[in-house]
Protein backbone atom coordinates (compact mmCIF):
# COMPACT_ATOMS: atom_id res chain seq x y z
CA MET A 1 0.01 0.01 0.00
CA ALA A 2 1.44 3.36 -1.02
CA GLN A 3 1.84 6.24 1.39
CA HIS A 4 0.31 9.55 0.46
CA THR A 5 0.72 13.10 1.76
CA GLU A 6 -2.12 15.39 2.72
CA SER A 7 -2.19 16.90 -0.78
CA GLY A 8 -2.69 13.41 -2.26
CA GLU A 9 0.72 13.03 -3.93
CA LYS A 10 2.49 9.73 -3.53
CA LEU A 11 5.66 9.66 -1.41
CA PRO A 12 8.80 8.13 -2.96
CA SER A 13 9.74 4.62 -1.86
CA GLN A 14 12.51 4.39 0.69
CA THR A 15 13.41 0.77 0.00
CA LYS A 16 16.58 1.77 -1.80
CA GLU A 17 17.78 3.76 1.19
CA ILE A 18 16.89 0.96 3.56
CA TRP A 19 18.77 -1.64 1.53
CA ARG A 20 21.80 0.67 1.25
CA THR A 21 21.73 1.08 5.07
CA PHE A 22 21.41 -2.75 5.46
CA TRP A 23 24.51 -3.33 3.35
CA ILE A 24 26.45 -0.68 5.22
CA LEU A 25 25.53 -2.25 8.55
CA LEU A 26 26.42 -5.67 7.23
CA GLY A 27 29.82 -4.42 6.08
CA ILE A 28 30.57 -2.77 9.45
CA THR A 29 29.53 -5.94 11.28
CA ALA A 30 31.77 -8.07 9.03
CA LEU A 31 34.63 -5.68 9.64
CA GLU A 32 34.08 -6.05 13.38
CA PHE A 33 34.28 -9.84 13.06
CA VAL A 34 37.45 -9.63 11.01
CA ILE A 35 39.06 -7.34 13.59
CA ALA A 36 37.87 -9.55 16.44
CA PHE A 37 39.35 -12.70 15.07
CA THR A 38 42.56 -11.43 13.47
CA VAL A 39 43.95 -8.64 15.69
CA ASP A 40 45.96 -9.86 18.69
CA ALA A 41 43.98 -9.18 21.87
CA ASP A 42 46.98 -9.09 24.20
CA LEU A 43 49.06 -6.65 22.21
CA TYR A 44 46.33 -4.32 20.83
CA LYS A 45 43.59 -4.62 23.47
CA TRP A 46 42.79 -0.84 23.80
CA THR A 47 43.09 -0.33 20.06
CA LYS A 48 40.45 -3.01 19.48
CA VAL A 49 38.22 -1.53 22.16
CA GLY A 50 38.48 1.94 20.60
CA ILE A 51 37.74 0.56 17.11
CA PHE A 52 34.72 -1.35 18.41
CA ILE A 53 33.37 1.74 20.19
CA ILE A 54 33.72 3.86 17.08
CA LEU A 55 32.11 1.23 14.83
CA THR A 56 29.29 0.77 17.30
CA LEU A 57 28.57 4.48 17.31
CA VAL A 58 28.51 4.46 13.48
CA LYS A 59 26.06 1.60 13.51
CA ALA A 60 23.93 3.32 16.10
CA TYR A 61 23.81 6.45 13.94
CA TYR A 62 22.50 4.49 10.94
CA ILE A 63 19.96 2.55 12.98
CA VAL A 64 18.59 5.64 14.74
CA GLY A 65 18.82 7.84 11.68
CA ILE A 66 17.33 5.56 9.06
CA PHE A 67 15.22 2.88 10.76
CA MET A 68 13.85 5.11 13.52
CA HIS A 69 13.42 8.05 10.99
CA LEU A 70 15.27 10.49 13.27
CA LYS A 71 17.45 11.67 10.40
CA HIS A 72 14.46 13.35 8.72
CA GLU A 73 13.21 15.18 11.84
CA VAL A 74 13.79 18.71 12.98
CA LYS A 75 17.01 19.42 14.85
CA SER A 76 15.33 20.27 18.13
CA LEU A 77 13.71 16.86 18.27
CA ILE A 78 17.03 15.14 17.53
CA TRP A 79 18.73 17.02 20.37
CA THR A 80 15.93 16.14 22.80
CA VAL A 81 16.67 12.50 22.09
CA VAL A 82 20.45 12.61 21.79
CA LEU A 83 21.33 14.87 24.69
CA PRO A 84 19.71 12.79 27.45
CA CYS A 85 21.34 9.67 25.98
CA MET A 86 24.73 11.33 26.15
CA PHE A 87 24.13 12.29 29.79
CA VAL A 88 23.14 8.68 30.66
CA ALA A 89 26.21 7.34 28.93
CA TRP A 90 28.36 9.89 30.84
CA LEU A 91 26.64 8.84 34.09
CA VAL A 92 27.40 5.14 33.48
CA VAL A 93 31.06 5.83 32.70
CA ALA A 94 31.39 8.13 35.78
CA LEU A 95 29.84 5.51 38.03
CA ILE A 96 32.14 2.77 36.69
CA VAL A 97 35.25 4.96 37.18
CA GLU A 98 34.25 6.10 40.66
CA GLY A 99 33.22 2.58 41.68
CA GLY A 100 36.64 1.30 40.64
CA TYR A 101 38.33 4.10 42.52
CA ILE A 102 36.48 3.23 45.75
CA GLY A 103 37.57 -0.39 45.31
CA TRP A 104 41.22 0.64 45.02
CA GLU A 105 40.82 3.00 47.97
CA ARG A 106 39.59 0.27 50.18
CA LEU A 107 42.20 -2.19 49.00
CA PHE A 108 45.28 0.01 49.45
CA PHE A 109 44.52 2.59 52.19
CA ILE A 110 41.94 1.05 54.52
CA GLY A 111 43.55 -2.44 54.44
CA LYS A 112 46.92 -1.11 55.70
């Protein structure tokens, strides 16, 4: 069933854009598998972690932008979605860092 606007004109099909996004996501996922199984984990641990974080953010951009239609929205709506997510991610990182610090504090200073 075709989608129509209020004026009655037919909207263009977005299947081409969806398939292009699918192939991009498939390529990024294949690249992640190649990196996971070929790069030495002991020698390049933090390099692999950094690459995976960057590739995951790229995949999240495509998923949110294309499949959740956020790419075609107004900028204020995009910021009302993205900004709280950034604060939640910052909160999780801060809690992990502080939690690790408290563990080290107890281990080295209180235990002596």
